[in-house]
Amino acid sequence: MKLEYYSYTNETWNQELDSTMDSQNTLVMVFGSSNLQINEDALKDINNAFSTSVIVGASTAGEINMDELQEDSFVVAILQFQNTKIRLYSQHIDSTKDSYLIGTKLAENLLEKDLKSIFVLSDGLNINGSQLTNGFNSILNDNIIVSGGLAADGDQFKSTWTIVDGVRKTNYVTAVGFYGDYIQVGHGFQGGWDKFGIQRKVTRAVDNVLYELDNKPALDIYKLYLADKAVELPASGLLFPLELQEDEKKDTKRTVRTILAINEDEKSITFAGDIPEGSLVSLMKANHNRLISGAFDASKQVKLDSYNNEPILSIAISCIGRKLVLKQLIEDELEATLENLPQKTKQVGFYSYGEISPLSSGECDLHNQTMTLTVIWESDAPLT
């Protein structure tokens, strides 16, 4: 595998794009500002230089370039595979209710006997991320790694995009499949938030819309905890996610859910993933040291047993809530992700509205307020 990465800031590339890497087995990953005007020329340059390559990308709440945070920019990784086949499939989102079906369609269209991994990028506002991942899980075996994230547009919650056929489009999910024995994909995820307040029961919810906690309007309870920050909802909700526990058993799965929207008339809150009725939830707040330690632990989870000094790419996808909390400490989180990875690792990524990464069971799941890593290399492949 040949690997290059680029940065586009202030209407200038850090170096000239290497169009000799263009091929049908080249993957171009683009993570960029939601400001369309800023990056229009950059996307044209990419399409011109890599006209036959597979191009995927998403809008962000901040771009990750190695251990640095960029904004109003593009970060781009170019991976030219020698012995790995890649395939792209995209699906339009007609309704959030179709999220499960979209996951099944993407999985069915990419599934072949030698499929090893799928990387997914989705519109961040018009998707139910947990239903999307459930759709993948209904089709794929647990040994097929599915990872990725939901696009963002800072803390605006207005419009996000993914790249489809070289064009930025809203309301789409794109997925690229990796095939063959040479592709290697490692992964890890970790949070680092602290619970506060009492645990409450979800007494009314439909899919990812929460209406009542302990038989009281959910939005009223949330505002009570947020106090003076309530007027800044939904953005301020990113600082106070929910930990979701599906039942009272100690070993039950726990996930974190973050706010996408509120409805003042219904007193409801829309989250990035499902909030099942009968489940237990607790509000969470930030602990700076634990967030940074969580990023370090995510990198420790990446299995590198088969790595043998090949070119290697880390795709870091972290939640916008972590960025808002860490502020000037944000690059401490990015430095922590690289501490346990090989010295020659290149890293790109973005701050998102949701992260997709496998659980210990192998099934993929939607995560919120979490640092996730997808690490890619190609083993025993002759370099050109």
Protein backbone atom coordinates (compact mmCIF):
# COMPACT_ATOMS: atom_id res chain seq x y z
CA MET A 1 0.00 0.00 0.00
CA LYS A 2 1.17 3.49 -0.83
CA LEU A 3 -0.02 6.25 1.48
CA GLU A 4 -0.02 10.01 1.21
CA TYR A 5 -1.89 12.63 3.16
CA TYR A 6 -2.57 16.29 2.51
CA SER A 7 -3.97 19.39 4.13
CA TYR A 8 -5.79 22.29 2.46
CA THR A 9 -5.86 25.53 4.47
CA ASN A 10 -6.17 29.18 3.48
CA GLU A 11 -7.00 28.10 -0.10
CA THR A 12 -3.63 26.34 -0.43
CA TRP A 13 -2.47 22.71 -0.42
CA ASN A 14 0.48 21.90 1.81
CA GLN A 15 1.99 20.04 -1.18
CA GLU A 16 1.05 19.17 -4.73
CA LEU A 17 -1.44 16.31 -5.09
CA ASP A 18 0.22 13.17 -6.48
CA SER A 19 -2.08 12.19 -9.34
CA THR A 20 0.13 9.18 -10.19
CA MET A 21 -1.60 7.40 -7.28
CA ASP A 22 -4.92 7.56 -9.12
CA SER A 23 -6.31 4.06 -9.85
CA GLN A 24 -9.39 1.89 -9.40
CA ASN A 25 -7.76 0.49 -6.26
CA THR A 26 -7.09 3.92 -4.75
CA LEU A 27 -9.20 5.21 -1.88
CA VAL A 28 -9.38 8.96 -1.26
CA MET A 29 -10.69 9.99 2.16
CA VAL A 30 -11.75 13.61 2.56
CA PHE A 31 -12.80 15.28 5.80
CA GLY A 32 -13.64 18.95 5.51
CA SER A 33 -15.41 22.02 6.77
CA SER A 34 -19.18 22.26 6.35
CA ASN A 35 -18.57 25.67 4.77
CA LEU A 36 -19.08 24.81 1.10
CA GLN A 37 -17.61 28.03 -0.25
CA ILE A 38 -14.29 27.59 1.53
CA ASN A 39 -13.57 24.16 0.08
CA GLU A 40 -15.16 24.21 -3.37
CA ASP A 41 -11.82 24.58 -5.16
CA ALA A 42 -10.22 21.88 -3.02
CA LEU A 43 -12.82 19.29 -3.98
CA LYS A 44 -12.37 20.19 -7.66
CA ASP A 45 -8.64 19.61 -7.32
CA ILE A 46 -9.27 16.20 -5.75
CA ASN A 47 -11.69 15.13 -8.47
CA ASN A 48 -9.29 16.23 -11.20
CA ALA A 49 -6.27 14.47 -9.68
CA PHE A 50 -8.10 11.23 -8.75
CA SER A 51 -10.75 10.83 -11.42
CA THR A 52 -10.76 7.01 -11.39
CA SER A 53 -10.32 6.56 -7.63
CA VAL A 54 -12.95 5.84 -4.99
CA ILE A 55 -13.61 9.11 -3.16
CA VAL A 56 -15.42 9.25 0.18
CA GLY A 57 -15.75 12.06 2.67
CA ALA A 58 -17.81 13.94 5.23
CA SER A 59 -18.33 17.38 6.72
CA THR A 60 -16.94 17.90 10.18
CA ALA A 61 -16.92 19.82 13.44
CA GLY A 62 -13.15 20.07 13.10
CA GLU A 63 -10.54 18.24 11.03
CA ILE A 64 -7.80 16.02 12.49
CA ASN A 65 -4.33 16.21 10.96
CA MET A 66 -1.95 13.94 12.89
CA ASP A 67 -2.09 15.38 16.44
CA GLU A 68 -3.40 18.79 15.38
CA LEU A 69 -6.93 20.18 15.12
CA GLN A 70 -7.78 22.22 12.00
CA GLU A 71 -10.93 24.13 11.12
CA ASP A 72 -12.30 25.44 7.82
CA SER A 73 -9.94 23.11 5.98
CA PHE A 74 -9.68 19.77 4.19
CA VAL A 75 -7.60 16.83 5.37
CA VAL A 76 -7.11 14.10 2.79
CA ALA A 77 -5.61 10.61 2.91
CA ILE A 78 -4.76 8.72 -0.31
CA LEU A 79 -4.40 4.94 -0.05
CA GLN A 80 -3.30 3.03 -3.15
CA PHE A 81 -3.70 -0.69 -2.53
CA GLN A 82 -1.61 -3.33 -4.27
CA ASN A 83 -3.48 -6.53 -3.42
CA THR A 84 -6.73 -5.28 -1.93
CA LYS A 85 -9.97 -4.71 -3.84
CA ILE A 86 -12.27 -1.87 -2.76
CA ARG A 87 -15.92 -1.21 -3.64
CA LEU A 88 -18.19 1.75 -2.92
CA TYR A 89 -21.94 1.80 -2.39
CA SER A 90 -24.11 4.80 -1.53
CA GLN A 91 -27.72 5.03 -0.40
CA HIS A 92 -30.05 8.03 -0.24
CA ILE A 93 -31.87 8.68 3.05
CA ASP A 94 -35.56 9.24 2.28
CA SER A 95 -36.57 9.14 5.94
CA THR A 96 -34.87 8.60 9.28
CA LYS A 97 -37.25 5.66 9.71
CA ASP A 98 -35.39 3.91 6.87
CA SER A 99 -32.09 3.80 8.80
CA TYR A 100 -32.24 0.05 9.50
CA LEU A 101 -33.16 -0.74 5.90
CA ILE A 102 -30.29 1.44 4.65
CA GLY A 103 -27.86 -0.52 6.81
CA THR A 104 -29.11 -3.81 5.37
CA LYS A 105 -28.90 -2.52 1.78
CA LEU A 106 -25.34 -1.30 2.22
CA ALA A 107 -24.29 -4.61 3.78
CA GLU A 108 -26.04 -6.72 1.14
CA ASN A 109 -24.52 -4.78 -1.74
CA LEU A 110 -20.99 -4.96 -0.36
CA LEU A 111 -21.09 -8.52 0.95
CA GLU A 112 -18.79 -10.98 -0.84
CA LYS A 113 -17.03 -14.05 0.51
CA ASP A 114 -13.72 -12.20 0.94
CA LEU A 115 -15.17 -9.00 2.50
CA LYS A 116 -13.02 -8.07 5.50
CA SER A 117 -14.14 -4.60 6.52
CA ILE A 118 -16.53 -1.73 5.75
CA PHE A 119 -15.94 1.96 6.42
CA VAL A 120 -19.15 4.03 6.68
CA LEU A 121 -19.78 7.77 6.47
CA SER A 122 -23.31 9.07 6.96
CA ASP A 123 -25.26 12.29 6.98
CA GLY A 124 -25.20 13.31 10.62
CA LEU A 125 -28.66 14.81 11.11
CA ASN A 126 -31.14 12.67 9.19
CA ILE A 127 -30.09 9.20 10.33
CA ASN A 128 -30.74 6.98 13.35
CA GLY A 129 -27.22 5.70 13.88
CA SER A 130 -28.14 2.76 16.11
CA GLN A 131 -30.70 1.50 13.60
CA LEU A 132 -28.13 1.92 10.82
CA THR A 133 -25.65 -0.27 12.69
CA ASN A 134 -28.38 -2.78 13.56
CA GLY A 135 -29.02 -3.10 9.83
CA PHE A 136 -25.37 -3.95 9.19
CA ASN A 137 -25.37 -6.46 12.04
CA SER A 138 -28.42 -8.26 10.66
CA ILE A 139 -26.51 -9.17 7.48
CA LEU A 140 -22.83 -9.43 8.38
CA ASN A 141 -20.85 -11.88 10.47
CA ASP A 142 -19.16 -10.54 13.59
CA ASN A 143 -15.71 -11.01 12.03
CA ILE A 144 -16.39 -8.31 9.41
CA ILE A 145 -15.25 -5.00 10.91
CA VAL A 146 -17.63 -2.06 10.40
CA SER A 147 -16.48 1.40 11.50
CA GLY A 148 -16.94 5.04 10.55
CA GLY A 149 -18.91 8.07 11.67
CA LEU A 150 -21.68 10.61 11.22
CA ALA A 151 -20.94 13.88 9.46
CA ALA A 152 -21.16 17.18 11.37
CA ASP A 153 -21.35 20.91 10.80
CA GLY A 154 -19.74 22.27 13.93
CA ASP A 155 -22.32 23.06 16.60
CA GLN A 156 -24.84 24.40 14.08
CA PHE A 157 -27.00 21.25 13.57
CA LYS A 158 -28.29 22.60 10.26
CA SER A 159 -26.79 20.68 7.34
CA THR A 160 -24.16 17.98 6.91
CA TRP A 161 -22.76 16.32 3.80
CA THR A 162 -21.04 13.24 2.53
CA ILE A 163 -19.30 12.82 -0.82
CA VAL A 164 -21.20 10.87 -3.47
CA ASP A 165 -19.76 10.54 -6.98
CA GLY A 166 -17.28 13.30 -6.21
CA VAL A 167 -20.02 15.72 -5.14
CA ARG A 168 -21.04 16.86 -1.65
CA LYS A 169 -24.59 15.74 -0.97
CA THR A 170 -26.94 15.80 2.01
CA ASN A 171 -29.09 12.85 3.09
CA TYR A 172 -26.71 10.09 1.97
CA VAL A 173 -24.85 7.21 3.56
CA THR A 174 -21.73 5.92 1.81
CA ALA A 175 -19.81 2.75 2.57
CA VAL A 176 -16.60 1.32 1.13
CA GLY A 177 -15.79 -2.38 1.38
CA PHE A 178 -12.28 -3.85 1.65
CA TYR A 179 -11.66 -7.33 0.23
CA GLY A 180 -8.95 -9.98 0.33
CA ASP A 181 -6.37 -11.49 2.64
CA TYR A 182 -3.90 -8.58 2.62
CA ILE A 183 -6.04 -5.83 4.14
CA GLN A 184 -5.56 -5.37 7.89
CA VAL A 185 -7.90 -3.26 10.02
CA GLY A 186 -7.48 -2.52 13.72
CA HIS A 187 -9.95 -0.62 15.85
CA GLY A 188 -10.54 0.83 19.32
CA PHE A 189 -12.93 3.12 21.20
CA GLN A 190 -13.23 4.69 24.62
CA GLY A 191 -15.15 7.47 26.36
CA GLY A 192 -14.16 9.00 29.68
CA TRP A 193 -17.23 10.81 31.05
CA ASP A 194 -18.48 10.84 34.65
CA LYS A 195 -22.08 10.24 35.71
CA PHE A 196 -23.91 12.78 37.86
CA GLY A 197 -27.44 13.08 39.18
CA ILE A 198 -29.83 10.20 39.76
CA GLN A 199 -30.54 7.35 37.37
CA ARG A 200 -33.92 7.70 35.66
CA LYS A 201 -36.19 5.36 33.73
CA VAL A 202 -37.29 5.97 30.15
CA THR A 203 -41.08 5.87 30.40
CA ARG A 204 -41.89 7.10 26.90
CA ALA A 205 -39.74 7.04 23.76
CA VAL A 206 -40.10 6.20 20.09
CA ASP A 207 -36.89 5.08 18.36
CA ASN A 208 -34.39 7.90 18.95
CA VAL A 209 -36.90 10.45 20.27
CA LEU A 210 -37.16 10.67 24.07
CA TYR A 211 -40.43 12.05 25.47
CA GLU A 212 -40.55 11.14 29.17
CA LEU A 213 -38.24 10.23 32.02
CA ASP A 214 -39.91 8.93 35.19
CA ASN A 215 -43.25 9.97 33.60
CA LYS A 216 -42.12 13.59 33.35
CA PRO A 217 -41.31 15.58 30.18
CA ALA A 218 -37.74 14.72 29.22
CA LEU A 219 -36.84 18.19 28.00
CA ASP A 220 -37.95 19.79 31.28
CA ILE A 221 -35.73 17.42 33.27
CA TYR A 222 -32.79 18.01 30.96
CA LYS A 223 -33.17 21.78 31.25
CA LEU A 224 -33.25 21.49 35.04
CA TYR A 225 -29.79 19.91 35.02
CA LEU A 226 -28.38 22.30 32.42
CA ALA A 227 -29.55 25.39 34.37
CA ASP A 228 -28.35 28.55 32.59
CA LYS A 229 -26.94 26.50 29.70
CA ALA A 230 -30.46 25.34 28.78
CA VAL A 231 -30.99 28.39 26.55
CA GLU A 232 -28.13 27.13 24.36
CA LEU A 233 -29.79 23.80 23.53
CA PRO A 234 -29.27 21.67 21.49
CA ALA A 235 -25.58 22.67 21.31
CA SER A 236 -25.12 22.79 25.10
CA GLY A 237 -26.52 19.26 25.34
CA LEU A 238 -23.25 18.05 23.85
CA LEU A 239 -21.63 18.85 27.19
CA PHE A 240 -24.10 16.60 29.03
CA PRO A 241 -24.71 13.32 27.18
CA LEU A 242 -26.78 10.41 28.48
CA GLU A 243 -25.42 7.02 29.50
CA LEU A 244 -27.94 4.39 28.45
CA GLN A 245 -28.31 1.10 30.32
CA GLU A 246 -30.86 -1.24 28.71
CA ASP A 247 -31.77 -3.06 31.96
CA GLU A 248 -30.79 -3.27 35.63
CA LYS A 249 -28.29 -6.11 35.25
CA LYS A 250 -24.75 -5.08 36.18
CA ASP A 251 -23.20 -6.60 33.05
CA THR A 252 -25.68 -5.12 30.60
CA LYS A 253 -24.35 -3.09 27.69
CA ARG A 254 -23.92 0.62 28.32
CA THR A 255 -23.79 3.17 25.54
CA VAL A 256 -23.68 6.95 25.40
CA ARG A 257 -26.19 9.02 23.49
CA THR A 258 -25.84 12.65 22.46
CA ILE A 259 -28.46 15.24 21.44
CA LEU A 260 -29.23 16.14 17.83
CA ALA A 261 -32.37 18.27 18.30
CA ILE A 262 -35.09 19.35 20.72
CA ASN A 263 -38.83 19.97 20.26
CA GLU A 264 -40.19 22.63 22.62
CA ASP A 265 -43.83 21.87 21.80
CA GLU A 266 -43.51 18.13 22.48
CA LYS A 267 -40.95 18.59 25.28
CA SER A 268 -38.91 15.91 23.51
CA ILE A 269 -35.25 15.33 22.70
CA THR A 270 -33.92 13.64 19.56
CA PHE A 271 -30.72 11.65 19.98
CA ALA A 272 -28.28 10.17 17.47
CA GLY A 273 -29.40 6.63 18.37
CA ASP A 274 -32.30 4.75 19.94
CA ILE A 275 -33.47 5.32 23.52
CA PRO A 276 -35.54 2.20 24.29
CA GLU A 277 -38.52 2.45 26.63
CA GLY A 278 -37.79 0.82 29.98
CA SER A 279 -34.07 1.51 29.78
CA LEU A 280 -32.21 3.44 32.48
CA VAL A 281 -30.34 6.67 31.78
CA SER A 282 -27.97 8.92 33.69
CA LEU A 283 -26.65 12.33 32.74
CA MET A 284 -22.90 12.60 32.30
CA LYS A 285 -20.43 15.44 32.57
CA ALA A 286 -16.85 15.97 31.52
CA ASN A 287 -13.65 15.03 33.27
CA HIS A 288 -10.74 16.42 31.25
CA ASN A 289 -8.17 13.90 32.41
CA ARG A 290 -10.48 10.95 31.85
CA LEU A 291 -11.35 12.10 28.33
CA ILE A 292 -7.68 12.28 27.40
CA SER A 293 -7.01 8.94 29.08
CA GLY A 294 -9.93 7.51 27.10
CA ALA A 295 -8.22 8.48 23.83
CA PHE A 296 -5.03 6.79 25.06
CA ASP A 297 -6.99 3.64 25.96
CA ALA A 298 -8.66 3.59 22.53
CA SER A 299 -5.24 3.33 20.88
CA LYS A 300 -4.22 0.56 23.29
CA GLN A 301 -7.15 -1.53 22.03
CA VAL A 302 -5.87 -1.58 18.44
CA LYS A 303 -4.46 -5.02 17.65
CA LEU A 304 -1.18 -4.75 15.77
CA ASP A 305 0.03 -8.37 15.94
CA SER A 306 0.28 -8.69 12.16
CA TYR A 307 1.85 -5.28 11.60
CA ASN A 308 5.32 -5.42 10.02
CA ASN A 309 6.43 -1.84 9.41
CA GLU A 310 4.13 -1.24 6.42
CA PRO A 311 2.62 2.20 5.66
CA ILE A 312 -0.24 2.62 8.12
CA LEU A 313 -3.16 5.04 8.47
CA SER A 314 -5.16 5.86 11.59
CA ILE A 315 -8.62 7.37 11.07
CA ALA A 316 -9.59 9.15 14.29
CA ILE A 317 -13.26 10.02 14.71
CA SER A 318 -14.18 11.78 17.94
CA CYS A 319 -17.35 13.50 19.09
CA ILE A 320 -17.90 17.23 18.89
CA GLY A 321 -18.87 17.16 22.58
CA ARG A 322 -15.33 16.17 23.50
CA LYS A 323 -13.99 19.06 21.46
CA LEU A 324 -16.31 21.56 23.15
CA VAL A 325 -15.27 20.32 26.59
CA LEU A 326 -11.52 19.99 26.06
CA LYS A 327 -11.12 23.31 24.21
CA GLN A 328 -7.43 24.25 24.34
CA LEU A 329 -6.60 20.74 25.59
CA ILE A 330 -8.02 19.11 22.47
CA GLU A 331 -4.63 18.33 20.96
CA ASP A 332 -3.72 16.43 24.13
CA GLU A 333 -6.45 13.99 23.12
CA LEU A 334 -5.03 13.70 19.60
CA GLU A 335 -1.50 13.18 20.89
CA ALA A 336 -2.80 10.41 23.15
CA THR A 337 -4.28 8.49 20.21
CA LEU A 338 -0.84 8.15 18.61
CA GLU A 339 1.12 7.11 21.69
CA ASN A 340 0.43 3.38 21.29
CA LEU A 341 0.49 3.24 17.49
CA PRO A 342 3.56 2.61 15.29
CA GLN A 343 5.91 5.56 14.93
CA LYS A 344 5.29 5.85 11.17
CA THR A 345 1.50 6.10 11.58
CA LYS A 346 -0.21 8.86 9.63
CA GLN A 347 -3.48 10.13 11.08
CA VAL A 348 -6.47 11.96 9.66
CA GLY A 349 -10.02 12.21 10.93
CA PHE A 350 -12.73 14.50 12.19
CA TYR A 351 -15.02 15.54 15.02
CA SER A 352 -18.46 14.07 14.43
CA TYR A 353 -22.09 13.75 15.51
CA GLY A 354 -21.61 10.03 16.17
CA GLU A 355 -19.00 7.31 15.90
CA ILE A 356 -19.29 3.73 14.60
CA SER A 357 -16.97 1.05 15.95
CA PRO A 358 -17.15 -2.66 16.85
CA LEU A 359 -17.95 -3.86 20.35
CA SER A 360 -15.97 -6.67 21.98
CA SER A 361 -18.56 -9.06 20.53
CA GLY A 362 -17.56 -8.00 17.00
CA GLU A 363 -20.90 -6.34 16.22
CA CYS A 364 -20.68 -2.70 15.23
CA ASP A 365 -22.49 -0.10 17.31
CA LEU A 366 -23.15 3.61 17.41
CA HIS A 367 -21.10 5.47 19.99
CA ASN A 368 -21.42 9.06 21.12
CA GLN A 369 -18.95 11.28 22.97
CA THR A 370 -16.29 8.66 22.22
CA MET A 371 -12.87 8.60 20.58
CA THR A 372 -12.81 5.84 17.94
CA LEU A 373 -9.86 4.68 15.84
CA THR A 374 -9.83 2.71 12.60
CA VAL A 375 -6.27 1.70 11.69
CA ILE A 376 -5.58 0.40 8.16
CA TRP A 377 -2.55 -1.20 6.55
CA GLU A 378 -1.88 -3.78 3.84
CA SER A 379 0.37 -6.67 4.83
CA ASP A 380 2.87 -8.47 2.57
CA ALA A 381 1.91 -6.33 -0.39
CA PRO A 382 4.71 -5.51 -2.88
CA LEU A 383 5.25 -1.75 -2.98
CA THR A 384 5.66 0.03 -6.31
